Amino acid sequence: MCLAIPAKIVSEPNEIEMAEVDILGVKRHVSLMMVPQAKQGDHVLVHAGFAIQVVDEEFAAESLEMLRSIGIKHADELALEAEELGIGAPEAEAS
């Protein structure tokens, strides 16, 4: 079984059709080769580094809500939990 995650395109595609997307607060670069009509601001389904389908914002939001209902969290939520547990990014230590 495969899973495609909804993402929002946050940058214009470059010359090799790669664009930055936001997936639950995490930014990644994905290929838009399979959805050449996709543009900045669109929502897409991403699987294995490729946007495979353009979807509307409502579908993306509903899908993300279903993922959250099974325990998948937004990057900000994970960062807050890590900070509360004291396992955030290490601070620069004085020598």
PDB file of N, CA and C in Angstrom:
ATOM      1  N   MET A   1       0.838  -1.168   0.000  1.00  0.00           N
ATOM      2  CA  MET A   1       0.000   0.000   0.000  1.00  0.00           C
ATOM      3  C   MET A   1       0.887   1.236   0.000  1.00  0.00           C
ATOM      4  N   CYS A   2       0.490   2.227  -0.753  1.00  0.00           N
ATOM      5  CA  CYS A   2       1.236   3.481  -0.838  1.00  0.00           C
ATOM      6  C   CYS A   2       0.425   4.595  -0.194  1.00  0.00           C
ATOM      7  N   LEU A   3       1.126   5.598   0.279  1.00  0.00           N
ATOM      8  CA  LEU A   3       0.480   6.747   0.892  1.00  0.00           C
ATOM      9  C   LEU A   3       1.009   8.012   0.240  1.00  0.00           C
ATOM     10  N   ALA A   4       0.118   8.860  -0.200  1.00  0.00           N
ATOM     11  CA  ALA A   4       0.486  10.163  -0.736  1.00  0.00           C
ATOM     12  C   ALA A   4       0.020  11.211   0.273  1.00  0.00           C
ATOM     13  N   ILE A   5       0.885  12.164   0.555  1.00  0.00           N
ATOM     14  CA  ILE A   5       0.630  13.180   1.570  1.00  0.00           C
ATOM     15  C   ILE A   5       0.294  14.505   0.899  1.00  0.00           C
ATOM     16  N   PRO A   6      -0.752  15.200   1.344  1.00  0.00           N
ATOM     17  CA  PRO A   6      -1.057  16.516   0.790  1.00  0.00           C
ATOM     18  C   PRO A   6       0.024  17.531   1.165  1.00  0.00           C
ATOM     19  N   ALA A   7       0.353  18.387   0.228  1.00  0.00           N
ATOM     20  CA  ALA A   7       1.364  19.424   0.445  1.00  0.00           C
ATOM     21  C   ALA A   7       0.951  20.666  -0.325  1.00  0.00           C
ATOM     22  N   LYS A   8       1.445  21.812   0.130  1.00  0.00           N
ATOM     23  CA  LYS A   8       1.201  23.068  -0.573  1.00  0.00           C
ATOM     24  C   LYS A   8       2.498  23.513  -1.231  1.00  0.00           C
ATOM     25  N   ILE A   9       2.441  23.845  -2.505  1.00  0.00           N
ATOM     26  CA  ILE A   9       3.626  24.325  -3.218  1.00  0.00           C
ATOM     27  C   ILE A   9       3.903  25.752  -2.762  1.00  0.00           C
ATOM     28  N   VAL A  10       5.120  25.988  -2.235  1.00  0.00           N
ATOM     29  CA  VAL A  10       5.455  27.302  -1.681  1.00  0.00           C
ATOM     30  C   VAL A  10       6.511  28.050  -2.491  1.00  0.00           C
ATOM     31  N   SER A  11       6.989  27.458  -3.580  1.00  0.00           N
ATOM     32  CA  SER A  11       7.935  28.164  -4.445  1.00  0.00           C
ATOM     33  C   SER A  11       7.633  27.836  -5.899  1.00  0.00           C
ATOM     34  N   GLU A  12       8.074  28.707  -6.771  1.00  0.00           N
ATOM     35  CA  GLU A  12       7.921  28.451  -8.203  1.00  0.00           C
ATOM     36  C   GLU A  12       8.833  27.285  -8.599  1.00  0.00           C
ATOM     37  N   PRO A  13       8.395  26.440  -9.516  1.00  0.00           N
ATOM     38  CA  PRO A  13       9.262  25.356  -9.988  1.00  0.00           C
ATOM     39  C   PRO A  13      10.521  25.920 -10.654  1.00  0.00           C
ATOM     40  N   ASN A  14      11.645  25.232 -10.466  1.00  0.00           N
ATOM     41  CA  ASN A  14      12.889  25.666 -11.106  1.00  0.00           C
ATOM     42  C   ASN A  14      13.009  25.046 -12.498  1.00  0.00           C
ATOM     43  N   GLU A  15      14.176  25.185 -13.100  1.00  0.00           N
ATOM     44  CA  GLU A  15      14.372  24.727 -14.479  1.00  0.00           C
ATOM     45  C   GLU A  15      14.274  23.209 -14.639  1.00  0.00           C
ATOM     46  N   ILE A  16      14.420  22.462 -13.561  1.00  0.00           N
ATOM     47  CA  ILE A  16      14.258  21.003 -13.662  1.00  0.00           C
ATOM     48  C   ILE A  16      12.956  20.538 -13.006  1.00  0.00           C
ATOM     49  N   GLU A  17      11.994  21.464 -12.902  1.00  0.00           N
ATOM     50  CA  GLU A  17      10.648  21.180 -12.408  1.00  0.00           C
ATOM     51  C   GLU A  17      10.608  20.692 -10.957  1.00  0.00           C
ATOM     52  N   MET A  18      11.531  21.205 -10.132  1.00  0.00           N
ATOM     53  CA  MET A  18      11.508  20.935  -8.696  1.00  0.00           C
ATOM     54  C   MET A  18      10.972  22.183  -8.007  1.00  0.00           C
ATOM     55  N   ALA A  19      10.174  21.979  -6.969  1.00  0.00           N
ATOM     56  CA  ALA A  19       9.630  23.096  -6.204  1.00  0.00           C
ATOM     57  C   ALA A  19       9.611  22.726  -4.729  1.00  0.00           C
ATOM     58  N   GLU A  20       9.652  23.735  -3.888  1.00  0.00           N
ATOM     59  CA  GLU A  20       9.559  23.514  -2.454  1.00  0.00           C
ATOM     60  C   GLU A  20       8.086  23.409  -2.077  1.00  0.00           C
ATOM     61  N   VAL A  21       7.779  22.429  -1.218  1.00  0.00           N
ATOM     62  CA  VAL A  21       6.424  22.258  -0.716  1.00  0.00           C
ATOM     63  C   VAL A  21       6.455  22.259   0.807  1.00  0.00           C
ATOM     64  N   ASP A  22       5.317  22.532   1.388  1.00  0.00           N
ATOM     65  CA  ASP A  22       5.149  22.482   2.837  1.00  0.00           C
ATOM     66  C   ASP A  22       4.243  21.303   3.154  1.00  0.00           C
ATOM     67  N   ILE A  23       4.783  20.378   3.961  1.00  0.00           N
ATOM     68  CA  ILE A  23       4.025  19.204   4.389  1.00  0.00           C
ATOM     69  C   ILE A  23       3.978  19.228   5.913  1.00  0.00           C
ATOM     70  N   LEU A  24       2.838  19.606   6.456  1.00  0.00           N
ATOM     71  CA  LEU A  24       2.674  19.671   7.909  1.00  0.00           C
ATOM     72  C   LEU A  24       3.785  20.479   8.578  1.00  0.00           C
ATOM     73  N   GLY A  25       4.164  21.571   7.957  1.00  0.00           N
ATOM     74  CA  GLY A  25       5.170  22.452   8.537  1.00  0.00           C
ATOM     75  C   GLY A  25       6.598  22.113   8.185  1.00  0.00           C
ATOM     76  N   VAL A  26       6.806  21.034   7.455  1.00  0.00           N
ATOM     77  CA  VAL A  26       8.143  20.633   7.024  1.00  0.00           C
ATOM     78  C   VAL A  26       8.285  20.976   5.549  1.00  0.00           C
ATOM     79  N   LYS A  27       9.390  21.637   5.204  1.00  0.00           N
ATOM     80  CA  LYS A  27       9.620  22.027   3.811  1.00  0.00           C
ATOM     81  C   LYS A  27      10.500  20.979   3.127  1.00  0.00           C
ATOM     82  N   ARG A  28      10.102  20.592   1.927  1.00  0.00           N
ATOM     83  CA  ARG A  28      10.831  19.614   1.114  1.00  0.00           C
ATOM     84  C   ARG A  28      10.805  20.074  -0.330  1.00  0.00           C
ATOM     85  N   HIS A  29      11.764  19.596  -1.108  1.00  0.00           N
ATOM     86  CA  HIS A  29      11.738  19.828  -2.551  1.00  0.00           C
ATOM     87  C   HIS A  29      11.222  18.561  -3.212  1.00  0.00           C
ATOM     88  N   VAL A  30      10.253  18.734  -4.104  1.00  0.00           N
ATOM     89  CA  VAL A  30       9.673  17.595  -4.811  1.00  0.00           C
ATOM     90  C   VAL A  30       9.632  17.894  -6.303  1.00  0.00           C
ATOM     91  N   SER A  31       9.540  16.846  -7.077  1.00  0.00           N
ATOM     92  CA  SER A  31       9.441  16.990  -8.522  1.00  0.00           C
ATOM     93  C   SER A  31       7.995  17.249  -8.919  1.00  0.00           C
ATOM     94  N   LEU A  32       7.815  18.207  -9.841  1.00  0.00           N
ATOM     95  CA  LEU A  32       6.487  18.484 -10.395  1.00  0.00           C
ATOM     96  C   LEU A  32       6.357  17.937 -11.821  1.00  0.00           C
ATOM     97  N   MET A  33       7.277  17.056 -12.208  1.00  0.00           N
ATOM     98  CA  MET A  33       7.274  16.534 -13.578  1.00  0.00           C
ATOM     99  C   MET A  33       5.965  15.833 -13.946  1.00  0.00           C
ATOM    100  N   MET A  34       5.315  15.202 -12.977  1.00  0.00           N
ATOM    101  CA  MET A  34       4.082  14.460 -13.265  1.00  0.00           C
ATOM    102  C   MET A  34       2.844  15.363 -13.258  1.00  0.00           C
ATOM    103  N   VAL A  35       3.002  16.603 -12.782  1.00  0.00           N
ATOM    104  CA  VAL A  35       1.884  17.556 -12.740  1.00  0.00           C
ATOM    105  C   VAL A  35       2.367  18.914 -13.268  1.00  0.00           C
ATOM    106  N   PRO A  36       2.680  18.974 -14.559  1.00  0.00           N
ATOM    107  CA  PRO A  36       3.271  20.204 -15.103  1.00  0.00           C
ATOM    108  C   PRO A  36       2.374  21.437 -14.980  1.00  0.00           C
ATOM    109  N   GLN A  37       1.079  21.246 -14.766  1.00  0.00           N
ATOM    110  CA  GLN A  37       0.172  22.374 -14.609  1.00  0.00           C
ATOM    111  C   GLN A  37       0.228  22.981 -13.205  1.00  0.00           C
ATOM    112  N   ALA A  38       0.860  22.291 -12.247  1.00  0.00           N
ATOM    113  CA  ALA A  38       0.918  22.767 -10.864  1.00  0.00           C
ATOM    114  C   ALA A  38       1.774  24.022 -10.764  1.00  0.00           C
ATOM    115  N   LYS A  39       1.349  24.914  -9.854  1.00  0.00           N
ATOM    116  CA  LYS A  39       2.062  26.171  -9.675  1.00  0.00           C
ATOM    117  C   LYS A  39       2.087  26.540  -8.192  1.00  0.00           C
ATOM    118  N   GLN A  40       2.867  27.540  -7.858  1.00  0.00           N
ATOM    119  CA  GLN A  40       2.958  28.014  -6.481  1.00  0.00           C
ATOM    120  C   GLN A  40       1.557  28.321  -5.950  1.00  0.00           C
ATOM    121  N   GLY A  41       1.282  27.850  -4.741  1.00  0.00           N
ATOM    122  CA  GLY A  41      -0.020  28.054  -4.116  1.00  0.00           C
ATOM    123  C   GLY A  41      -0.959  26.875  -4.265  1.00  0.00           C
ATOM    124  N   ASP A  42      -0.689  25.993  -5.232  1.00  0.00           N
ATOM    125  CA  ASP A  42      -1.522  24.803  -5.422  1.00  0.00           C
ATOM    126  C   ASP A  42      -1.245  23.774  -4.333  1.00  0.00           C
ATOM    127  N   HIS A  43      -2.217  22.902  -4.126  1.00  0.00           N
ATOM    128  CA  HIS A  43      -2.046  21.748  -3.238  1.00  0.00           C
ATOM    129  C   HIS A  43      -1.881  20.515  -4.119  1.00  0.00           C
ATOM    130  N   VAL A  44      -0.959  19.652  -3.717  1.00  0.00           N
ATOM    131  CA  VAL A  44      -0.676  18.435  -4.472  1.00  0.00           C
ATOM    132  C   VAL A  44      -0.555  17.256  -3.524  1.00  0.00           C
ATOM    133  N   LEU A  45      -0.723  16.066  -4.067  1.00  0.00           N
ATOM    134  CA  LEU A  45      -0.427  14.847  -3.320  1.00  0.00           C
ATOM    135  C   LEU A  45       0.998  14.455  -3.662  1.00  0.00           C
ATOM    136  N   VAL A  46       1.802  14.173  -2.633  1.00  0.00           N
ATOM    137  CA  VAL A  46       3.213  13.847  -2.821  1.00  0.00           C
ATOM    138  C   VAL A  46       3.467  12.413  -2.390  1.00  0.00           C
ATOM    139  N   HIS A  47       4.147  11.678  -3.265  1.00  0.00           N
ATOM    140  CA  HIS A  47       4.553  10.304  -2.965  1.00  0.00           C
ATOM    141  C   HIS A  47       5.966  10.100  -3.481  1.00  0.00           C
ATOM    142  N   ALA A  48       6.840   9.654  -2.612  1.00  0.00           N
ATOM    143  CA  ALA A  48       8.217   9.302  -2.980  1.00  0.00           C
ATOM    144  C   ALA A  48       8.948  10.434  -3.706  1.00  0.00           C
ATOM    145  N   GLY A  49       8.720  11.671  -3.253  1.00  0.00           N
ATOM    146  CA  GLY A  49       9.438  12.794  -3.836  1.00  0.00           C
ATOM    147  C   GLY A  49       8.833  13.375  -5.096  1.00  0.00           C
ATOM    148  N   PHE A  50       7.664  12.874  -5.489  1.00  0.00           N
ATOM    149  CA  PHE A  50       6.989  13.360  -6.690  1.00  0.00           C
ATOM    150  C   PHE A  50       5.591  13.842  -6.344  1.00  0.00           C
ATOM    151  N   ALA A  51       5.209  15.004  -6.851  1.00  0.00           N
ATOM    152  CA  ALA A  51       3.812  15.427  -6.795  1.00  0.00           C
ATOM    153  C   ALA A  51       3.104  14.604  -7.867  1.00  0.00           C
ATOM    154  N   ILE A  52       2.038  13.903  -7.476  1.00  0.00           N
ATOM    155  CA  ILE A  52       1.388  12.990  -8.423  1.00  0.00           C
ATOM    156  C   ILE A  52      -0.001  13.445  -8.836  1.00  0.00           C
ATOM    157  N   GLN A  53      -0.554  14.438  -8.124  1.00  0.00           N
ATOM    158  CA  GLN A  53      -1.894  14.914  -8.471  1.00  0.00           C
ATOM    159  C   GLN A  53      -2.123  16.269  -7.826  1.00  0.00           C
ATOM    160  N   VAL A  54      -2.749  17.174  -8.549  1.00  0.00           N
ATOM    161  CA  VAL A  54      -3.177  18.450  -7.981  1.00  0.00           C
ATOM    162  C   VAL A  54      -4.540  18.216  -7.333  1.00  0.00           C
ATOM    163  N   VAL A  55      -4.708  18.716  -6.104  1.00  0.00           N
ATOM    164  CA  VAL A  55      -5.978  18.575  -5.384  1.00  0.00           C
ATOM    165  C   VAL A  55      -6.424  19.949  -4.896  1.00  0.00           C
ATOM    166  N   ASP A  56      -7.687  20.063  -4.533  1.00  0.00           N
ATOM    167  CA  ASP A  56      -8.139  21.356  -4.023  1.00  0.00           C
ATOM    168  C   ASP A  56      -7.801  21.479  -2.530  1.00  0.00           C
ATOM    169  N   GLU A  57      -7.870  22.706  -2.044  1.00  0.00           N
ATOM    170  CA  GLU A  57      -7.489  22.996  -0.662  1.00  0.00           C
ATOM    171  C   GLU A  57      -8.355  22.238   0.342  1.00  0.00           C
ATOM    172  N   GLU A  58      -9.640  22.103   0.049  1.00  0.00           N
ATOM    173  CA  GLU A  58     -10.546  21.390   0.954  1.00  0.00           C
ATOM    174  C   GLU A  58     -10.144  19.920   1.089  1.00  0.00           C
ATOM    175  N   PHE A  59      -9.847  19.269  -0.042  1.00  0.00           N
ATOM    176  CA  PHE A  59      -9.415  17.870  -0.003  1.00  0.00           C
ATOM    177  C   PHE A  59      -8.118  17.735   0.792  1.00  0.00           C
ATOM    178  N   ALA A  60      -7.174  18.650   0.563  1.00  0.00           N
ATOM    179  CA  ALA A  60      -5.897  18.610   1.283  1.00  0.00           C
ATOM    180  C   ALA A  60      -6.125  18.750   2.786  1.00  0.00           C
ATOM    181  N   ALA A  61      -6.965  19.701   3.187  1.00  0.00           N
ATOM    182  CA  ALA A  61      -7.235  19.923   4.611  1.00  0.00           C
ATOM    183  C   ALA A  61      -7.904  18.712   5.249  1.00  0.00           C
ATOM    184  N   GLU A  62      -8.882  18.130   4.557  1.00  0.00           N
ATOM    185  CA  GLU A  62      -9.567  16.943   5.079  1.00  0.00           C
ATOM    186  C   GLU A  62      -8.603  15.767   5.224  1.00  0.00           C
ATOM    187  N   SER A  63      -7.739  15.599   4.251  1.00  0.00           N
ATOM    188  CA  SER A  63      -6.768  14.495   4.297  1.00  0.00           C
ATOM    189  C   SER A  63      -5.788  14.684   5.444  1.00  0.00           C
ATOM    190  N   LEU A  64      -5.291  15.910   5.624  1.00  0.00           N
ATOM    191  CA  LEU A  64      -4.364  16.183   6.730  1.00  0.00           C
ATOM    192  C   LEU A  64      -5.050  15.977   8.076  1.00  0.00           C
ATOM    193  N   GLU A  65      -6.312  16.345   8.173  1.00  0.00           N
ATOM    194  CA  GLU A  65      -7.060  16.139   9.419  1.00  0.00           C
ATOM    195  C   GLU A  65      -7.190  14.650   9.720  1.00  0.00           C
ATOM    196  N   MET A  66      -7.428  13.826   8.699  1.00  0.00           N
ATOM    197  CA  MET A  66      -7.494  12.377   8.916  1.00  0.00           C
ATOM    198  C   MET A  66      -6.149  11.850   9.401  1.00  0.00           C
ATOM    199  N   LEU A  67      -5.053  12.349   8.820  1.00  0.00           N
ATOM    200  CA  LEU A  67      -3.727  11.918   9.257  1.00  0.00           C
ATOM    201  C   LEU A  67      -3.479  12.320  10.708  1.00  0.00           C
ATOM    202  N   ARG A  68      -3.888  13.523  11.068  1.00  0.00           N
ATOM    203  CA  ARG A  68      -3.731  13.968  12.463  1.00  0.00           C
ATOM    204  C   ARG A  68      -4.548  13.096  13.401  1.00  0.00           C
ATOM    205  N   SER A  69      -5.718  12.649  12.959  1.00  0.00           N
ATOM    206  CA  SER A  69      -6.581  11.828  13.816  1.00  0.00           C
ATOM    207  C   SER A  69      -5.943  10.483  14.149  1.00  0.00           C
ATOM    208  N   ILE A  70      -4.988  10.043  13.324  1.00  0.00           N
ATOM    209  CA  ILE A  70      -4.303   8.780  13.629  1.00  0.00           C
ATOM    210  C   ILE A  70      -2.928   9.018  14.248  1.00  0.00           C
ATOM    211  N   GLY A  71      -2.658  10.276  14.616  1.00  0.00           N
ATOM    212  CA  GLY A  71      -1.451  10.560  15.384  1.00  0.00           C
ATOM    213  C   GLY A  71      -0.319  11.224  14.644  1.00  0.00           C
ATOM    214  N   ILE A  72      -0.466  11.519  13.363  1.00  0.00           N
ATOM    215  CA  ILE A  72       0.583  12.228  12.637  1.00  0.00           C
ATOM    216  C   ILE A  72       0.481  13.693  13.000  1.00  0.00           C
ATOM    217  N   LYS A  73       1.608  14.296  13.412  1.00  0.00           N
ATOM    218  CA  LYS A  73       1.583  15.641  13.959  1.00  0.00           C
ATOM    219  C   LYS A  73       2.246  16.659  13.050  1.00  0.00           C
ATOM    220  N   HIS A  74       1.878  17.906  13.262  1.00  0.00           N
ATOM    221  CA  HIS A  74       2.476  19.045  12.572  1.00  0.00           C
ATOM    222  C   HIS A  74       3.872  19.255  13.139  1.00  0.00           C
ATOM    223  N   ALA A  75       4.792  19.737  12.323  1.00  0.00           N
ATOM    224  CA  ALA A  75       6.175  19.949  12.749  1.00  0.00           C
ATOM    225  C   ALA A  75       6.255  20.842  13.981  1.00  0.00           C
ATOM    226  N   ASP A  76       5.408  21.867  14.068  1.00  0.00           N
ATOM    227  CA  ASP A  76       5.414  22.752  15.240  1.00  0.00           C
ATOM    228  C   ASP A  76       5.028  21.997  16.507  1.00  0.00           C
ATOM    229  N   GLU A  77       4.081  21.070  16.401  1.00  0.00           N
ATOM    230  CA  GLU A  77       3.673  20.274  17.556  1.00  0.00           C
ATOM    231  C   GLU A  77       4.810  19.369  18.022  1.00  0.00           C
ATOM    232  N   LEU A  78       5.509  18.767  17.060  1.00  0.00           N
ATOM    233  CA  LEU A  78       6.640  17.900  17.410  1.00  0.00           C
ATOM    234  C   LEU A  78       7.762  18.695  18.059  1.00  0.00           C
ATOM    235  N   ALA A  79       8.033  19.893  17.543  1.00  0.00           N
ATOM    236  CA  ALA A  79       9.090  20.731  18.112  1.00  0.00           C
ATOM    237  C   ALA A  79       8.748  21.134  19.541  1.00  0.00           C
ATOM    238  N   LEU A  80       7.495  21.479  19.790  1.00  0.00           N
ATOM    239  CA  LEU A  80       7.062  21.855  21.138  1.00  0.00           C
ATOM    240  C   LEU A  80       7.202  20.682  22.096  1.00  0.00           C
ATOM    241  N   GLU A  81       6.779  19.502  21.674  1.00  0.00           N
ATOM    242  CA  GLU A  81       6.914  18.313  22.519  1.00  0.00           C
ATOM    243  C   GLU A  81       8.381  18.016  22.821  1.00  0.00           C
ATOM    244  N   ALA A  82       9.238  18.137  21.813  1.00  0.00           N
ATOM    245  CA  ALA A  82      10.668  17.889  22.013  1.00  0.00           C
ATOM    246  C   ALA A  82      11.249  18.899  22.993  1.00  0.00           C
ATOM    247  N   GLU A  83      10.845  20.149  22.858  1.00  0.00           N
ATOM    248  CA  GLU A  83      11.334  21.195  23.765  1.00  0.00           C
ATOM    249  C   GLU A  83      10.898  20.900  25.196  1.00  0.00           C
ATOM    250  N   GLU A  84       9.639  20.484  25.363  1.00  0.00           N
ATOM    251  CA  GLU A  84       9.138  20.157  26.695  1.00  0.00           C
ATOM    252  C   GLU A  84       9.891  18.983  27.312  1.00  0.00           C
ATOM    253  N   LEU A  85      10.344  18.067  26.480  1.00  0.00           N
ATOM    254  CA  LEU A  85      11.105  16.917  26.960  1.00  0.00           C
ATOM    255  C   LEU A  85      12.599  17.208  27.072  1.00  0.00           C
ATOM    256  N   GLY A  86      12.997  18.403  26.626  1.00  0.00           N
ATOM    257  CA  GLY A  86      14.408  18.776  26.698  1.00  0.00           C
ATOM    258  C   GLY A  86      15.256  18.088  25.641  1.00  0.00           C
ATOM    259  N   ILE A  87      14.641  17.714  24.497  1.00  0.00           N
ATOM    260  CA  ILE A  87      15.414  17.039  23.464  1.00  0.00           C
ATOM    261  C   ILE A  87      15.393  17.819  22.149  1.00  0.00           C
ATOM    262  N   GLY A  88      15.299  19.143  22.298  1.00  0.00           N
ATOM    263  CA  GLY A  88      15.307  19.992  21.094  1.00  0.00           C
ATOM    264  C   GLY A  88      16.691  20.058  20.489  1.00  0.00           C
ATOM    265  N   ALA A  89      16.853  20.937  19.537  1.00  0.00           N
ATOM    266  CA  ALA A  89      18.159  21.136  18.896  1.00  0.00           C
ATOM    267  C   ALA A  89      19.169  21.553  19.934  1.00  0.00           C
ATOM    268  N   PRO A  90      20.345  20.957  19.913  1.00  0.00           N
ATOM    269  CA  PRO A  90      21.364  21.301  20.914  1.00  0.00           C
ATOM    270  C   PRO A  90      21.805  22.756  20.777  1.00  0.00           C
ATOM    271  N   GLU A  91      21.941  23.419  21.901  1.00  0.00           N
ATOM    272  CA  GLU A  91      22.421  24.798  21.937  1.00  0.00           C
ATOM    273  C   GLU A  91      23.938  24.793  21.844  1.00  0.00           C
ATOM    274  N   ALA A  92      24.490  25.884  21.372  1.00  0.00           N
ATOM    275  CA  ALA A  92      25.953  26.013  21.334  1.00  0.00           C
ATOM    276  C   ALA A  92      26.466  26.003  22.760  1.00  0.00           C
ATOM    277  N   GLU A  93      27.427  25.120  23.032  1.00  0.00           N
ATOM    278  CA  GLU A  93      27.952  25.000  24.396  1.00  0.00           C
ATOM    279  C   GLU A  93      29.244  25.783  24.508  1.00  0.00           C
ATOM    280  N   ALA A  94      29.413  26.410  25.657  1.00  0.00           N
ATOM    281  CA  ALA A  94      30.655  27.159  25.919  1.00  0.00           C
ATOM    282  C   ALA A  94      31.779  26.183  26.188  1.00  0.00           C
ATOM    283  N   SER A  95      32.952  26.477  25.663  1.00  0.00           N
ATOM    284  CA  SER A  95      34.091  25.566  25.856  1.00  0.00           C
ATOM    285  C   SER A  95      34.769  25.804  27.174  1.00  0.00           C
TER     286      SER A  95
END
